[in-house]
PDB file of N, CA and C in Angstrom:
ATOM      1  N   MET A   1    -183.074 -49.653-203.513  1.00  0.00           N
ATOM      2  CA  MET A   1    -182.814 -49.544-202.049  1.00  0.00           C
ATOM      3  C   MET A   1    -182.410 -48.052-201.689  1.00  0.00           C
ATOM      4  N   LYS A   2    -183.287 -47.920-200.865  1.00  0.00           N
ATOM      5  CA  LYS A   2    -182.847 -46.456-200.034  1.00  0.00           C
ATOM      6  C   LYS A   2    -181.901 -46.749-199.053  1.00  0.00           C
ATOM      7  N   LEU A   3    -180.915 -45.204-199.291  1.00  0.00           N
ATOM      8  CA  LEU A   3    -179.875 -45.134-198.678  1.00  0.00           C
ATOM      9  C   LEU A   3    -180.126 -44.119-197.131  1.00  0.00           C
ATOM     10  N   GLY A   4    -179.326 -44.868-196.323  1.00  0.00           N
ATOM     11  CA  GLY A   4    -179.701 -44.319-195.037  1.00  0.00           C
ATOM     12  C   GLY A   4    -178.611 -42.904-195.162  1.00  0.00           C
ATOM     13  N   VAL A   5    -178.896 -42.067-193.895  1.00  0.00           N
ATOM     14  CA  VAL A   5    -178.494 -40.710-193.619  1.00  0.00           C
ATOM     15  C   VAL A   5    -176.584 -40.929-193.464  1.00  0.00           C
ATOM     16  N   ARG A   6    -175.786 -42.168-193.195  1.00  0.00           N
ATOM     17  CA  ARG A   6    -174.389 -42.143-193.567  1.00  0.00           C
ATOM     18  C   ARG A   6    -174.255 -42.575-194.466  1.00  0.00           C
ATOM     19  N   ASP A   7    -175.120 -43.805-195.039  1.00  0.00           N
ATOM     20  CA  ASP A   7    -174.586 -44.032-196.599  1.00  0.00           C
ATOM     21  C   ASP A   7    -174.745 -42.763-197.503  1.00  0.00           C
ATOM     22  N   GLY A   8    -175.926 -41.960-197.341  1.00  0.00           N
ATOM     23  CA  GLY A   8    -175.303 -40.773-197.860  1.00  0.00           C
ATOM     24  C   GLY A   8    -174.345 -39.638-198.056  1.00  0.00           C
ATOM     25  N   ARG A   9    -173.846 -39.675-196.627  1.00  0.00           N
ATOM     26  CA  ARG A   9    -172.793 -38.891-196.317  1.00  0.00           C
ATOM     27  C   ARG A   9    -171.477 -39.114-197.171  1.00  0.00           C
ATOM     28  N   LEU A  10    -171.676 -40.749-197.262  1.00  0.00           N
ATOM     29  CA  LEU A  10    -170.301 -41.415-197.594  1.00  0.00           C
ATOM     30  C   LEU A  10    -170.006 -40.954-198.845  1.00  0.00           C
ATOM     31  N   GLU A  11    -171.201 -41.225-199.868  1.00  0.00           N
ATOM     32  CA  GLU A  11    -171.227 -40.710-200.893  1.00  0.00           C
ATOM     33  C   GLU A  11    -170.999 -39.865-201.492  1.00  0.00           C
ATOM     34  N   VAL A  12    -171.356 -38.983-200.930  1.00  0.00           N
ATOM     35  CA  VAL A  12    -171.393 -37.244-201.178  1.00  0.00           C
ATOM     36  C   VAL A  12    -169.453 -37.542-200.902  1.00  0.00           C
ATOM     37  N   TRP A  13    -169.276 -37.505-199.427  1.00  0.00           N
ATOM     38  CA  TRP A  13    -167.637 -37.448-199.433  1.00  0.00           C
ATOM     39  C   TRP A  13    -166.989 -38.235-200.445  1.00  0.00           C
ATOM     40  N   LEU A  14    -167.221 -39.419-200.384  1.00  0.00           N
ATOM     41  CA  LEU A  14    -166.864 -39.769-202.136  1.00  0.00           C
ATOM     42  C   LEU A  14    -166.872 -38.858-203.370  1.00  0.00           C
ATOM     43  N   PHE A  15    -167.961 -38.606-203.654  1.00  0.00           N
ATOM     44  CA  PHE A  15    -167.958 -37.771-204.860  1.00  0.00           C
ATOM     45  C   PHE A  15    -167.009 -36.530-204.808  1.00  0.00           C
ATOM     46  N   ILE A  16    -167.114 -35.723-203.529  1.00  0.00           N
ATOM     47  CA  ILE A  16    -166.055 -34.420-203.198  1.00  0.00           C
ATOM     48  C   ILE A  16    -164.672 -35.002-203.520  1.00  0.00           C
ATOM     49  N   VAL A  17    -164.332 -36.153-202.315  1.00  0.00           N
ATOM     50  CA  VAL A  17    -162.793 -36.486-202.763  1.00  0.00           C
ATOM     51  C   VAL A  17    -162.423 -37.355-204.353  1.00  0.00           C
ATOM     52  N   GLN A  18    -163.444 -37.572-205.042  1.00  0.00           N
ATOM     53  CA  GLN A  18    -163.047 -37.860-206.334  1.00  0.00           C
ATOM     54  C   GLN A  18    -162.830 -36.722-206.911  1.00  0.00           C
ATOM     55  N   ARG A  19    -163.709 -35.507-206.484  1.00  0.00           N
ATOM     56  CA  ARG A  19    -163.481 -34.546-207.942  1.00  0.00           C
ATOM     57  C   ARG A  19    -161.955 -33.714-207.472  1.00  0.00           C
ATOM     58  N   LEU A  20    -161.897 -33.559-205.784  1.00  0.00           N
ATOM     59  CA  LEU A  20    -160.999 -33.004-205.567  1.00  0.00           C
ATOM     60  C   LEU A  20    -159.235 -33.577-206.280  1.00  0.00           C
ATOM     61  N   THR A  21    -159.159 -35.240-206.114  1.00  0.00           N
ATOM     62  CA  THR A  21    -158.273 -35.956-206.628  1.00  0.00           C
ATOM     63  C   THR A  21    -158.568 -35.460-208.715  1.00  0.00           C
ATOM     64  N   ALA A  22    -159.446 -34.903-209.174  1.00  0.00           N
ATOM     65  CA  ALA A  22    -159.105 -34.904-210.573  1.00  0.00           C
ATOM     66  C   ALA A  22    -158.625 -33.819-210.385  1.00  0.00           C
ATOM     67  N   MET A  23    -158.875 -32.967-210.060  1.00  0.00           N
ATOM     68  CA  MET A  23    -158.054 -31.767-210.035  1.00  0.00           C
ATOM     69  C   MET A  23    -156.742 -31.530-209.509  1.00  0.00           C
ATOM     70  N   VAL A  24    -156.563 -32.420-208.844  1.00  0.00           N
ATOM     71  CA  VAL A  24    -154.665 -32.563-208.671  1.00  0.00           C
ATOM     72  C   VAL A  24    -154.396 -33.108-209.578  1.00  0.00           C
ATOM     73  N   LEU A  25    -155.338 -34.775-209.992  1.00  0.00           N
ATOM     74  CA  LEU A  25    -154.441 -35.024-211.750  1.00  0.00           C
ATOM     75  C   LEU A  25    -154.547 -34.212-212.269  1.00  0.00           C
ATOM     76  N   GLY A  26    -155.233 -33.674-212.846  1.00  0.00           N
ATOM     77  CA  GLY A  26    -155.177 -32.996-214.324  1.00  0.00           C
ATOM     78  C   GLY A  26    -153.469 -32.057-214.207  1.00  0.00           C
ATOM     79  N   PRO A  27    -153.302 -31.448-213.330  1.00  0.00           N
ATOM     80  CA  PRO A  27    -151.936 -30.859-213.930  1.00  0.00           C
ATOM     81  C   PRO A  27    -150.877 -31.622-213.472  1.00  0.00           C
ATOM     82  N   LEU A  28    -150.743 -32.671-212.616  1.00  0.00           N
ATOM     83  CA  LEU A  28    -149.660 -33.491-212.434  1.00  0.00           C
ATOM     84  C   LEU A  28    -150.048 -34.868-213.462  1.00  0.00           C
ATOM     85  N   VAL A  29    -150.764 -34.657-214.352  1.00  0.00           N
ATOM     86  CA  VAL A  29    -150.622 -35.777-215.348  1.00  0.00           C
ATOM     87  C   VAL A  29    -149.608 -34.970-216.841  1.00  0.00           C
ATOM     88  N   ILE A  30    -150.194 -33.337-217.024  1.00  0.00           N
ATOM     89  CA  ILE A  30    -149.494 -32.608-217.998  1.00  0.00           C
ATOM     90  C   ILE A  30    -148.238 -32.387-217.573  1.00  0.00           C
ATOM     91  N   VAL A  31    -147.865 -32.488-216.532  1.00  0.00           N
ATOM     92  CA  VAL A  31    -145.971 -32.501-215.963  1.00  0.00           C
ATOM     93  C   VAL A  31    -145.591 -33.407-216.320  1.00  0.00           C
ATOM     94  N   HIS A  32    -146.378 -34.468-215.625  1.00  0.00           N
ATOM     95  CA  HIS A  32    -145.175 -35.618-216.159  1.00  0.00           C
ATOM     96  C   HIS A  32    -145.435 -36.695-217.386  1.00  0.00           C
ATOM     97  N   LEU A  33    -146.820 -36.017-218.468  1.00  0.00           N
ATOM     98  CA  LEU A  33    -146.674 -36.148-219.826  1.00  0.00           C
ATOM     99  C   LEU A  33    -145.299 -35.158-220.461  1.00  0.00           C
ATOM    100  N   ALA A  34    -145.470 -33.974-219.782  1.00  0.00           N
ATOM    101  CA  ALA A  34    -144.390 -32.906-221.296  1.00  0.00           C
ATOM    102  C   ALA A  34    -143.007 -33.357-220.156  1.00  0.00           C
ATOM    103  N   THR A  35    -143.006 -33.990-219.165  1.00  0.00           N
ATOM    104  CA  THR A  35    -141.008 -34.395-218.448  1.00  0.00           C
ATOM    105  C   THR A  35    -140.852 -35.553-219.660  1.00  0.00           C
ATOM    106  N   MET A  36    -141.910 -36.526-219.632  1.00  0.00           N
ATOM    107  CA  MET A  36    -141.638 -37.963-220.776  1.00  0.00           C
ATOM    108  C   MET A  36    -141.415 -37.049-222.015  1.00  0.00           C
ATOM    109  N   ILE A  37    -142.034 -36.391-222.578  1.00  0.00           N
ATOM    110  CA  ILE A  37    -142.040 -35.741-223.878  1.00  0.00           C
ATOM    111  C   ILE A  37    -140.656 -35.283-223.943  1.00  0.00           C
ATOM    112  N   TYR A  38    -140.145 -34.607-222.948  1.00  0.00           N
ATOM    113  CA  TYR A  38    -138.766 -33.641-223.153  1.00  0.00           C
ATOM    114  C   TYR A  38    -137.925 -34.846-223.173  1.00  0.00           C
ATOM    115  N   ALA A  39    -138.105 -35.765-222.101  1.00  0.00           N
ATOM    116  CA  ALA A  39    -137.056 -36.764-221.735  1.00  0.00           C
ATOM    117  C   ALA A  39    -136.934 -37.700-223.135  1.00  0.00           C
ATOM    118  N   ILE A  40    -137.593 -37.916-223.687  1.00  0.00           N
ATOM    119  CA  ILE A  40    -137.383 -39.138-225.127  1.00  0.00           C
ATOM    120  C   ILE A  40    -136.952 -38.106-226.283  1.00  0.00           C
ATOM    121  N   GLN A  41    -137.628 -36.593-226.363  1.00  0.00           N
ATOM    122  CA  GLN A  41    -137.159 -36.220-227.021  1.00  0.00           C
ATOM    123  C   GLN A  41    -135.590 -35.645-227.045  1.00  0.00           C
ATOM    124  N   GLY A  42    -135.166 -35.199-226.048  1.00  0.00           N
ATOM    125  CA  GLY A  42    -134.008 -35.479-225.569  1.00  0.00           C
ATOM    126  C   GLY A  42    -132.511 -36.336-225.925  1.00  0.00           C
ATOM    127  N   GLY A  43    -133.312 -37.394-226.362  1.00  0.00           N
ATOM    128  CA  GLY A  43    -133.048 -38.900-226.400  1.00  0.00           C
ATOM    129  C   GLY A  43    -132.187 -39.632-224.594  1.00  0.00           C
ATOM    130  N   LEU A  44    -132.545 -38.943-223.353  1.00  0.00           N
ATOM    131  CA  LEU A  44    -132.267 -39.839-222.678  1.00  0.00           C
ATOM    132  C   LEU A  44    -132.578 -41.192-222.291  1.00  0.00           C
ATOM    133  N   SER A  45    -132.048 -42.101-221.606  1.00  0.00           N
ATOM    134  CA  SER A  45    -132.780 -43.121-221.561  1.00  0.00           C
ATOM    135  C   SER A  45    -132.987 -43.158-220.229  1.00  0.00           C
ATOM    136  N   ALA A  46    -133.413 -44.489-219.183  1.00  0.00           N
ATOM    137  CA  ALA A  46    -134.489 -44.648-218.210  1.00  0.00           C
ATOM    138  C   ALA A  46    -132.883 -44.270-217.456  1.00  0.00           C
ATOM    139  N   VAL A  47    -132.094 -44.959-217.315  1.00  0.00           N
ATOM    140  CA  VAL A  47    -131.130 -44.830-216.789  1.00  0.00           C
ATOM    141  C   VAL A  47    -130.370 -43.328-216.473  1.00  0.00           C
ATOM    142  N   GLU A  48    -130.539 -42.878-217.366  1.00  0.00           N
ATOM    143  CA  GLU A  48    -130.106 -41.178-217.934  1.00  0.00           C
ATOM    144  C   GLU A  48    -131.295 -40.591-216.275  1.00  0.00           C
ATOM    145  N   ILE A  49    -132.402 -40.775-216.987  1.00  0.00           N
ATOM    146  CA  ILE A  49    -133.836 -40.195-216.174  1.00  0.00           C
ATOM    147  C   ILE A  49    -133.974 -40.400-214.575  1.00  0.00           C
ATOM    148  N   MET A  50    -133.287 -41.774-214.476  1.00  0.00           N
ATOM    149  CA  MET A  50    -133.279 -42.455-212.962  1.00  0.00           C
ATOM    150  C   MET A  50    -131.733 -41.642-212.002  1.00  0.00           C
ATOM    151  N   GLY A  51    -130.851 -41.337-212.849  1.00  0.00           N
ATOM    152  CA  GLY A  51    -130.067 -40.421-212.225  1.00  0.00           C
ATOM    153  C   GLY A  51    -130.322 -39.429-212.159  1.00  0.00           C
ATOM    154  N   ARG A  52    -130.812 -38.309-213.057  1.00  0.00           N
ATOM    155  CA  ARG A  52    -130.877 -36.933-212.534  1.00  0.00           C
ATOM    156  C   ARG A  52    -131.976 -37.060-211.946  1.00  0.00           C
ATOM    157  N   THR A  53    -133.151 -37.984-211.253  1.00  0.00           N
ATOM    158  CA  THR A  53    -133.728 -37.581-210.421  1.00  0.00           C
ATOM    159  C   THR A  53    -133.705 -38.260-208.917  1.00  0.00           C
ATOM    160  N   GLN A  54    -132.347 -39.050-208.840  1.00  0.00           N
ATOM    161  CA  GLN A  54    -132.366 -39.617-207.575  1.00  0.00           C
ATOM    162  C   GLN A  54    -131.641 -38.019-206.992  1.00  0.00           C
ATOM    163  N   GLY A  55    -132.633 -38.823-205.109  1.00  0.00           N
ATOM    164  CA  GLY A  55    -132.182 -37.422-204.709  1.00  0.00           C
ATOM    165  C   GLY A  55    -133.036 -36.001-204.433  1.00  0.00           C
ATOM    166  N   SER A  56    -133.635 -36.145-205.772  1.00  0.00           N
ATOM    167  CA  SER A  56    -134.612 -34.846-205.664  1.00  0.00           C
ATOM    168  C   SER A  56    -135.759 -34.882-204.635  1.00  0.00           C
ATOM    169  N   LEU A  57    -135.978 -33.763-203.979  1.00  0.00           N
ATOM    170  CA  LEU A  57    -136.958 -33.797-203.293  1.00  0.00           C
ATOM    171  C   LEU A  57    -138.313 -33.425-203.904  1.00  0.00           C
ATOM    172  N   VAL A  58    -137.893 -32.717-204.616  1.00  0.00           N
ATOM    173  CA  VAL A  58    -139.091 -31.603-205.214  1.00  0.00           C
ATOM    174  C   VAL A  58    -139.808 -33.081-206.440  1.00  0.00           C
ATOM    175  N   TRP A  59    -139.118 -34.086-206.860  1.00  0.00           N
ATOM    176  CA  TRP A  59    -139.765 -35.240-208.265  1.00  0.00           C
ATOM    177  C   TRP A  59    -140.369 -35.948-206.888  1.00  0.00           C
ATOM    178  N   GLY A  60    -139.427 -36.231-205.754  1.00  0.00           N
ATOM    179  CA  GLY A  60    -140.607 -37.382-204.904  1.00  0.00           C
ATOM    180  C   GLY A  60    -142.177 -36.719-204.450  1.00  0.00           C
ATOM    181  N   LEU A  61    -141.786 -35.691-204.500  1.00  0.00           N
ATOM    182  CA  LEU A  61    -143.326 -34.569-203.801  1.00  0.00           C
ATOM    183  C   LEU A  61    -144.239 -34.905-204.858  1.00  0.00           C
ATOM    184  N   VAL A  62    -143.663 -34.730-205.967  1.00  0.00           N
ATOM    185  CA  VAL A  62    -144.548 -34.877-207.106  1.00  0.00           C
ATOM    186  C   VAL A  62    -145.661 -35.712-207.491  1.00  0.00           C
ATOM    187  N   TYR A  63    -144.137 -36.744-207.932  1.00  0.00           N
ATOM    188  CA  TYR A  63    -144.708 -38.039-207.747  1.00  0.00           C
ATOM    189  C   TYR A  63    -145.674 -38.726-206.619  1.00  0.00           C
ATOM    190  N   GLY A  64    -145.126 -38.482-205.581  1.00  0.00           N
ATOM    191  CA  GLY A  64    -145.490 -38.609-204.001  1.00  0.00           C
ATOM    192  C   GLY A  64    -147.643 -38.113-204.175  1.00  0.00           C
ATOM    193  N   LEU A  65    -147.471 -37.095-204.811  1.00  0.00           N
ATOM    194  CA  LEU A  65    -148.975 -36.765-204.530  1.00  0.00           C
ATOM    195  C   LEU A  65    -149.373 -37.584-205.981  1.00  0.00           C
ATOM    196  N   PHE A  66    -148.870 -37.100-207.107  1.00  0.00           N
ATOM    197  CA  PHE A  66    -149.472 -38.411-208.103  1.00  0.00           C
ATOM    198  C   PHE A  66    -150.017 -39.481-207.798  1.00  0.00           C
ATOM    199  N   VAL A  67    -149.269 -40.422-207.181  1.00  0.00           N
ATOM    200  CA  VAL A  67    -149.717 -41.656-206.614  1.00  0.00           C
ATOM    201  C   VAL A  67    -150.754 -41.656-205.551  1.00  0.00           C
ATOM    202  N   THR A  68    -150.979 -40.578-204.445  1.00  0.00           N
ATOM    203  CA  THR A  68    -152.051 -40.519-203.957  1.00  0.00           C
ATOM    204  C   THR A  68    -153.025 -39.968-204.546  1.00  0.00           C
ATOM    205  N   ALA A  69    -153.192 -39.154-205.374  1.00  0.00           N
ATOM    206  CA  ALA A  69    -154.748 -38.743-206.010  1.00  0.00           C
ATOM    207  C   ALA A  69    -155.117 -39.684-206.723  1.00  0.00           C
ATOM    208  N   ALA A  70    -154.017 -40.172-207.692  1.00  0.00           N
ATOM    209  CA  ALA A  70    -154.545 -41.404-208.435  1.00  0.00           C
ATOM    210  C   ALA A  70    -155.328 -42.741-207.837  1.00  0.00           C
ATOM    211  N   ALA A  71    -154.579 -42.845-206.287  1.00  0.00           N
ATOM    212  CA  ALA A  71    -154.558 -44.071-205.658  1.00  0.00           C
ATOM    213  C   ALA A  71    -156.537 -44.091-205.439  1.00  0.00           C
ATOM    214  N   PHE A  72    -156.453 -42.906-204.594  1.00  0.00           N
ATOM    215  CA  PHE A  72    -158.192 -42.671-204.246  1.00  0.00           C
ATOM    216  C   PHE A  72    -158.767 -42.233-205.390  1.00  0.00           C
ATOM    217  N   HIS A  73    -158.308 -41.718-206.024  1.00  0.00           N
ATOM    218  CA  HIS A  73    -159.532 -41.178-208.043  1.00  0.00           C
ATOM    219  C   HIS A  73    -160.293 -42.600-207.560  1.00  0.00           C
ATOM    220  N   GLY A  74    -158.551 -43.582-208.170  1.00  0.00           N
ATOM    221  CA  GLY A  74    -159.108 -45.037-208.864  1.00  0.00           C
ATOM    222  C   GLY A  74    -159.867 -45.817-208.275  1.00  0.00           C
ATOM    223  N   ALA A  75    -159.540 -45.682-206.918  1.00  0.00           N
ATOM    224  CA  ALA A  75    -160.532 -46.579-205.776  1.00  0.00           C
ATOM    225  C   ALA A  75    -161.572 -46.240-205.916  1.00  0.00           C
ATOM    226  N   ILE A  76    -162.127 -44.852-205.841  1.00  0.00           N
ATOM    227  CA  ILE A  76    -163.584 -44.345-205.712  1.00  0.00           C
ATOM    228  C   ILE A  76    -164.257 -45.204-207.063  1.00  0.00           C
ATOM    229  N   GLY A  77    -163.588 -44.588-208.383  1.00  0.00           N
ATOM    230  CA  GLY A  77    -164.162 -44.774-209.429  1.00  0.00           C
ATOM    231  C   GLY A  77    -164.217 -46.523-209.756  1.00  0.00           C
ATOM    232  N   LEU A  78    -163.438 -46.777-209.338  1.00  0.00           N
ATOM    233  CA  LEU A  78    -163.797 -48.727-209.499  1.00  0.00           C
ATOM    234  C   LEU A  78    -164.831 -49.167-208.453  1.00  0.00           C
ATOM    235  N   ARG A  79    -165.035 -48.404-207.021  1.00  0.00           N
ATOM    236  CA  ARG A  79    -165.915 -48.935-206.343  1.00  0.00           C
ATOM    237  C   ARG A  79    -167.593 -48.347-207.267  1.00  0.00           C
ATOM    238  N   GLN A  80    -167.386 -47.011-207.935  1.00  0.00           N
ATOM    239  CA  GLN A  80    -168.963 -47.131-207.881  1.00  0.00           C
ATOM    240  C   GLN A  80    -169.205 -47.712-209.258  1.00  0.00           C
ATOM    241  N   ILE A  81    -167.823 -48.366-210.477  1.00  0.00           N
ATOM    242  CA  ILE A  81    -168.851 -49.332-211.277  1.00  0.00           C
ATOM    243  C   ILE A  81    -168.927 -50.209-210.640  1.00  0.00           C
ATOM    244  N   ALA A  82    -168.427 -50.723-209.481  1.00  0.00           N
ATOM    245  CA  ALA A  82    -168.439 -51.829-209.142  1.00  0.00           C
ATOM    246  C   ALA A  82    -169.962 -51.986-208.810  1.00  0.00           C
ATOM    247  N   ARG A  83    -170.626 -50.764-207.993  1.00  0.00           N
ATOM    248  CA  ARG A  83    -171.857 -50.420-207.259  1.00  0.00           C
ATOM    249  C   ARG A  83    -172.643 -50.672-208.492  1.00  0.00           C
ATOM    250  N   GLU A  84    -172.692 -49.927-209.682  1.00  0.00           N
ATOM    251  CA  GLU A  84    -173.387 -49.872-211.014  1.00  0.00           C
ATOM    252  C   GLU A  84    -173.246 -51.005-211.746  1.00  0.00           C
ATOM    253  N   ALA A  85    -172.142 -51.804-211.964  1.00  0.00           N
ATOM    254  CA  ALA A  85    -172.304 -52.616-213.516  1.00  0.00           C
ATOM    255  C   ALA A  85    -172.673 -53.572-212.637  1.00  0.00           C
ATOM    256  N   LEU A  86    -171.996 -54.449-211.587  1.00  0.00           N
ATOM    257  CA  LEU A  86    -172.224 -55.274-210.496  1.00  0.00           C
ATOM    258  C   LEU A  86    -173.302 -55.382-209.322  1.00  0.00           C
ATOM    259  N   GLN A  87    -174.170 -54.178-209.140  1.00  0.00           N
ATOM    260  CA  GLN A  87    -175.004 -54.037-208.354  1.00  0.00           C
ATOM    261  C   GLN A  87    -174.396 -54.377-207.113  1.00  0.00           C
ATOM    262  N   TRP A  88    -173.305 -54.169-206.318  1.00  0.00           N
ATOM    263  CA  TRP A  88    -172.195 -55.167-205.743  1.00  0.00           C
ATOM    264  C   TRP A  88    -172.973 -53.626-204.461  1.00  0.00           C
ATOM    265  N   ARG A  89    -173.103 -54.062-203.253  1.00  0.00           N
ATOM    266  CA  ARG A  89    -173.574 -53.399-201.947  1.00  0.00           C
ATOM    267  C   ARG A  89    -173.120 -53.483-200.745  1.00  0.00           C
ATOM    268  N   GLY A  90    -173.082 -52.858-199.974  1.00  0.00           N
ATOM    269  CA  GLY A  90    -172.808 -53.210-198.875  1.00  0.00           C
ATOM    270  C   GLY A  90    -171.584 -52.862-198.347  1.00  0.00           C
ATOM    271  N   MET A  91    -170.947 -53.160-196.960  1.00  0.00           N
ATOM    272  CA  MET A  91    -169.604 -52.842-196.757  1.00  0.00           C
ATOM    273  C   MET A  91    -168.454 -53.585-197.547  1.00  0.00           C
ATOM    274  N   THR A  92    -169.298 -54.186-197.923  1.00  0.00           N
ATOM    275  CA  THR A  92    -167.791 -55.296-198.967  1.00  0.00           C
ATOM    276  C   THR A  92    -167.128 -54.594-200.167  1.00  0.00           C
ATOM    277  N   VAL A  93    -168.141 -53.636-200.920  1.00  0.00           N
ATOM    278  CA  VAL A  93    -167.412 -53.538-201.797  1.00  0.00           C
ATOM    279  C   VAL A  93    -166.833 -52.170-201.468  1.00  0.00           C
ATOM    280  N   ASN A  94    -166.797 -51.652-200.443  1.00  0.00           N
ATOM    281  CA  ASN A  94    -166.242 -50.390-199.727  1.00  0.00           C
ATOM    282  C   ASN A  94    -164.788 -50.890-199.255  1.00  0.00           C
ATOM    283  N   VAL A  95    -164.689 -52.232-198.611  1.00  0.00           N
ATOM    284  CA  VAL A  95    -163.699 -52.860-198.170  1.00  0.00           C
ATOM    285  C   VAL A  95    -162.575 -53.357-199.564  1.00  0.00           C
ATOM    286  N   ALA A  96    -163.564 -53.763-200.614  1.00  0.00           N
ATOM    287  CA  ALA A  96    -162.729 -53.753-201.573  1.00  0.00           C
ATOM    288  C   ALA A  96    -162.063 -53.041-201.970  1.00  0.00           C
ATOM    289  N   ALA A  97    -162.965 -51.459-202.451  1.00  0.00           N
ATOM    290  CA  ALA A  97    -162.072 -50.400-202.804  1.00  0.00           C
ATOM    291  C   ALA A  97    -160.666 -49.880-202.173  1.00  0.00           C
ATOM    292  N   LEU A  98    -161.565 -50.104-200.520  1.00  0.00           N
ATOM    293  CA  LEU A  98    -160.069 -49.919-199.658  1.00  0.00           C
ATOM    294  C   LEU A  98    -158.972 -50.682-199.836  1.00  0.00           C
ATOM    295  N   ILE A  99    -159.168 -51.768-200.093  1.00  0.00           N
ATOM    296  CA  ILE A  99    -157.903 -52.316-200.347  1.00  0.00           C
ATOM    297  C   ILE A  99    -157.038 -52.262-201.504  1.00  0.00           C
ATOM    298  N   PHE A 100    -158.381 -52.070-202.828  1.00  0.00           N
ATOM    299  CA  PHE A 100    -157.378 -52.031-203.884  1.00  0.00           C
ATOM    300  C   PHE A 100    -156.503 -50.472-203.813  1.00  0.00           C
ATOM    301  N   CYS A 101    -157.039 -49.146-202.664  1.00  0.00           N
ATOM    302  CA  CYS A 101    -156.288 -48.053-203.177  1.00  0.00           C
ATOM    303  C   CYS A 101    -155.071 -48.160-201.964  1.00  0.00           C
ATOM    304  N   LEU A 102    -155.099 -49.266-201.195  1.00  0.00           N
ATOM    305  CA  LEU A 102    -154.246 -49.271-200.328  1.00  0.00           C
ATOM    306  C   LEU A 102    -152.522 -50.362-200.894  1.00  0.00           C
ATOM    307  N   GLY A 103    -153.252 -51.163-201.996  1.00  0.00           N
ATOM    308  CA  GLY A 103    -152.240 -52.038-202.942  1.00  0.00           C
ATOM    309  C   GLY A 103    -151.877 -50.680-203.952  1.00  0.00           C
ATOM    310  N   ILE A 104    -152.992 -49.607-204.701  1.00  0.00           N
ATOM    311  CA  ILE A 104    -151.928 -48.744-205.705  1.00  0.00           C
ATOM    312  C   ILE A 104    -151.138 -47.931-204.942  1.00  0.00           C
ATOM    313  N   LEU A 105    -151.414 -47.699-203.365  1.00  0.00           N
ATOM    314  CA  LEU A 105    -150.488 -46.796-202.431  1.00  0.00           C
ATOM    315  C   LEU A 105    -148.959 -47.364-202.251  1.00  0.00           C
ATOM    316  N   CYS A 106    -149.632 -48.737-202.036  1.00  0.00           N
ATOM    317  CA  CYS A 106    -147.709 -49.752-201.735  1.00  0.00           C
ATOM    318  C   CYS A 106    -146.811 -49.641-202.962  1.00  0.00           C
ATOM    319  N   LEU A 107    -147.534 -49.852-203.742  1.00  0.00           N
ATOM    320  CA  LEU A 107    -146.770 -50.426-205.226  1.00  0.00           C
ATOM    321  C   LEU A 107    -146.193 -48.591-205.746  1.00  0.00           C
ATOM    322  N   GLY A 108    -147.370 -47.787-205.555  1.00  0.00           N
ATOM    323  CA  GLY A 108    -147.046 -46.365-206.116  1.00  0.00           C
ATOM    324  C   GLY A 108    -145.800 -45.936-205.205  1.00  0.00           C
ATOM    325  N   TYR A 109    -146.053 -45.844-204.194  1.00  0.00           N
ATOM    326  CA  TYR A 109    -144.796 -45.496-203.027  1.00  0.00           C
ATOM    327  C   TYR A 109    -143.495 -46.001-203.195  1.00  0.00           C
ATOM    328  N   GLN A 110    -143.322 -47.157-203.542  1.00  0.00           N
ATOM    329  CA  GLN A 110    -142.396 -48.153-203.737  1.00  0.00           C
ATOM    330  C   GLN A 110    -141.419 -47.777-205.456  1.00  0.00           C
ATOM    331  N   ALA A 111    -142.464 -47.204-206.131  1.00  0.00           N
ATOM    332  CA  ALA A 111    -141.877 -46.803-207.390  1.00  0.00           C
ATOM    333  C   ALA A 111    -141.160 -45.187-207.374  1.00  0.00           C
ATOM    334  N   VAL A 112    -141.804 -44.654-206.622  1.00  0.00           N
ATOM    335  CA  VAL A 112    -141.573 -43.143-206.311  1.00  0.00           C
ATOM    336  C   VAL A 112    -140.327 -43.206-205.003  1.00  0.00           C
ATOM    337  N   TRP A 113    -140.166 -44.229-204.285  1.00  0.00           N
ATOM    338  CA  TRP A 113    -138.755 -44.167-203.489  1.00  0.00           C
ATOM    339  C   TRP A 113    -137.527 -45.049-204.193  1.00  0.00           C
ATOM    340  N   ALA A 114    -137.836 -45.655-205.428  1.00  0.00           N
ATOM    341  CA  ALA A 114    -137.046 -46.066-206.472  1.00  0.00           C
ATOM    342  C   ALA A 114    -136.723 -45.137-207.138  1.00  0.00           C
ATOM    343  N   LEU A 115    -137.454 -44.429-207.602  1.00  0.00           N
ATOM    344  CA  LEU A 115    -137.259 -42.855-208.714  1.00  0.00           C
ATOM    345  C   LEU A 115    -136.249 -42.139-207.597  1.00  0.00           C
ATOM    346  N   VAL A 116    -136.348 -41.822-206.764  1.00  0.00           N
ATOM    347  CA  VAL A 116    -135.671 -40.591-206.114  1.00  0.00           C
ATOM    348  C   VAL A 116    -134.900 -41.311-205.099  1.00  0.00           C
TER     349      VAL A 116
END
């Protein structure tokens, strides 16, 4: 099936966005893992961790960016998997990916809001 000009541009933009979100996620995953290892080895409980993050704009921004990048990155990846493995084409695969992305954003921002 031949892609139209509009479809081709969408694919290029999705490729670029997924690579950019991967570049954002790399350092954020390292920060997250390092923080978790530090907290666990320090003997902190979940309650103590939450107590330390309450009201922290920095952690809110870090995890807000993490959620945003992960939602876009994951939705684009799942869209591509659906296109390749399921041969799912057309506007419905894009709508499904968008719904997935919005769902992850909503759930993720709720978690970030609870964290800070």
